[in-house]
Amino acid sequence: MSILELDSKGRLTIPKKLREALNIKRRVLVINAGDHLKVVPLPSDPFEVLEGALDLKKPFKELRRQAELSAEREAKGKQRCIVIFNLL
């Protein structure tokens, strides 16, 4: 854990040990999580993360059908889910 200070422009410097431990390069996503911030490292090359994720040997129609089936399964799963919010 580190206590950090903002500079006069509101910038925050993440210590080198934390950047190395979290593999933070140049870009991060900062998410407002209500009472705290989440800092998520972003890859310097987003396509590098996807390397090998797609099997492009399959025909486009088959890839599209797989995506549609996956979306249908996800949608059906969400229909069964009941979410109750506590507004207090």
Protein backbone atom coordinates (compact mmCIF):
# COMPACT_ATOMS: atom_id res chain seq x y z
CA MET A 1 0.00 0.00 0.00
CA SER A 2 1.20 3.48 -0.81
CA ILE A 3 -0.06 6.92 0.11
CA LEU A 4 0.35 9.19 -2.90
CA GLU A 5 -0.09 12.91 -3.43
CA LEU A 6 -1.55 14.66 -6.44
CA ASP A 7 0.56 17.36 -8.04
CA SER A 8 -0.74 20.88 -8.69
CA LYS A 9 -2.40 19.69 -11.92
CA GLY A 10 -4.17 16.76 -10.22
CA ARG A 11 -1.79 14.13 -11.60
CA LEU A 12 -0.79 11.05 -9.69
CA THR A 13 2.55 9.28 -10.04
CA ILE A 14 2.38 5.52 -9.52
CA PRO A 15 5.60 4.29 -7.90
CA LYS A 16 7.90 2.22 -10.11
CA LYS A 17 7.58 -0.92 -7.95
CA LEU A 18 3.78 -0.86 -8.33
CA ARG A 19 3.99 -0.20 -12.08
CA GLU A 20 6.35 -3.13 -12.51
CA ALA A 21 4.31 -5.45 -10.28
CA LEU A 22 1.12 -4.66 -12.23
CA ASN A 23 2.87 -4.60 -15.61
CA ILE A 24 1.71 -1.03 -16.25
CA LYS A 25 3.35 0.43 -19.35
CA ARG A 26 1.99 3.75 -20.68
CA ARG A 27 -1.80 3.53 -20.50
CA VAL A 28 -4.32 2.65 -17.79
CA LEU A 29 -8.08 2.71 -17.54
CA VAL A 30 -9.31 4.61 -14.47
CA ILE A 31 -12.77 3.58 -13.26
CA ASN A 32 -14.80 5.59 -10.75
CA ALA A 33 -16.02 2.90 -8.35
CA GLY A 34 -17.97 5.21 -6.06
CA ASP A 35 -15.78 5.58 -2.99
CA HIS A 36 -12.54 4.58 -4.74
CA LEU A 37 -10.84 4.41 -8.11
CA LYS A 38 -9.86 1.27 -9.99
CA VAL A 39 -6.75 1.44 -12.16
CA VAL A 40 -6.61 -1.23 -14.86
CA PRO A 41 -3.46 -1.61 -16.97
CA LEU A 42 -4.07 -1.46 -20.71
CA PRO A 43 -1.85 -3.29 -23.18
CA SER A 44 0.40 -1.09 -25.30
CA ASP A 45 -0.73 -3.10 -28.34
CA PRO A 46 -4.37 -4.23 -27.92
CA PHE A 47 -4.07 -6.59 -30.89
CA GLU A 48 -1.20 -8.41 -29.19
CA VAL A 49 -3.65 -9.60 -26.52
CA LEU A 50 -5.91 -11.07 -29.20
CA GLU A 51 -3.12 -12.96 -30.94
CA GLY A 52 -4.21 -16.57 -31.35
CA ALA A 53 -7.69 -15.85 -29.98
CA LEU A 54 -9.36 -16.21 -33.35
CA ASP A 55 -9.13 -19.24 -35.55
CA LEU A 56 -9.29 -17.59 -38.94
CA LYS A 57 -9.16 -20.94 -40.70
CA LYS A 58 -12.91 -21.25 -40.13
CA PRO A 59 -15.27 -19.67 -42.66
CA PHE A 60 -16.79 -16.32 -41.71
CA LYS A 61 -20.31 -17.79 -41.65
CA GLU A 62 -19.25 -20.36 -39.05
CA LEU A 63 -17.54 -17.71 -36.90
CA ARG A 64 -20.65 -15.53 -37.12
CA ARG A 65 -22.92 -18.43 -36.14
CA GLN A 66 -20.72 -19.23 -33.14
CA ALA A 67 -20.92 -15.57 -32.05
CA GLU A 68 -24.71 -15.58 -32.44
CA LEU A 69 -25.07 -18.77 -30.39
CA SER A 70 -22.83 -17.35 -27.69
CA ALA A 71 -24.91 -14.14 -27.56
CA GLU A 72 -28.15 -16.14 -27.40
CA ARG A 73 -26.83 -18.25 -24.49
CA GLU A 74 -25.72 -15.12 -22.66
CA ALA A 75 -29.09 -13.41 -23.24
CA LYS A 76 -31.00 -16.47 -22.01
CA GLY A 77 -28.81 -16.59 -18.90
CA LYS A 78 -29.55 -12.95 -18.17
CA GLN A 79 -33.30 -13.49 -18.52
CA ARG A 80 -33.22 -15.94 -15.62
CA CYS A 81 -31.31 -13.53 -13.42
CA ILE A 82 -33.23 -11.34 -10.96
CA VAL A 83 -31.39 -8.33 -9.56
CA ILE A 84 -32.67 -6.45 -6.54
CA PHE A 85 -31.16 -3.05 -5.78
CA ASN A 86 -30.95 -1.63 -2.30
CA LEU A 87 -31.45 2.09 -2.76
CA LEU A 88 -30.64 3.06 0.84
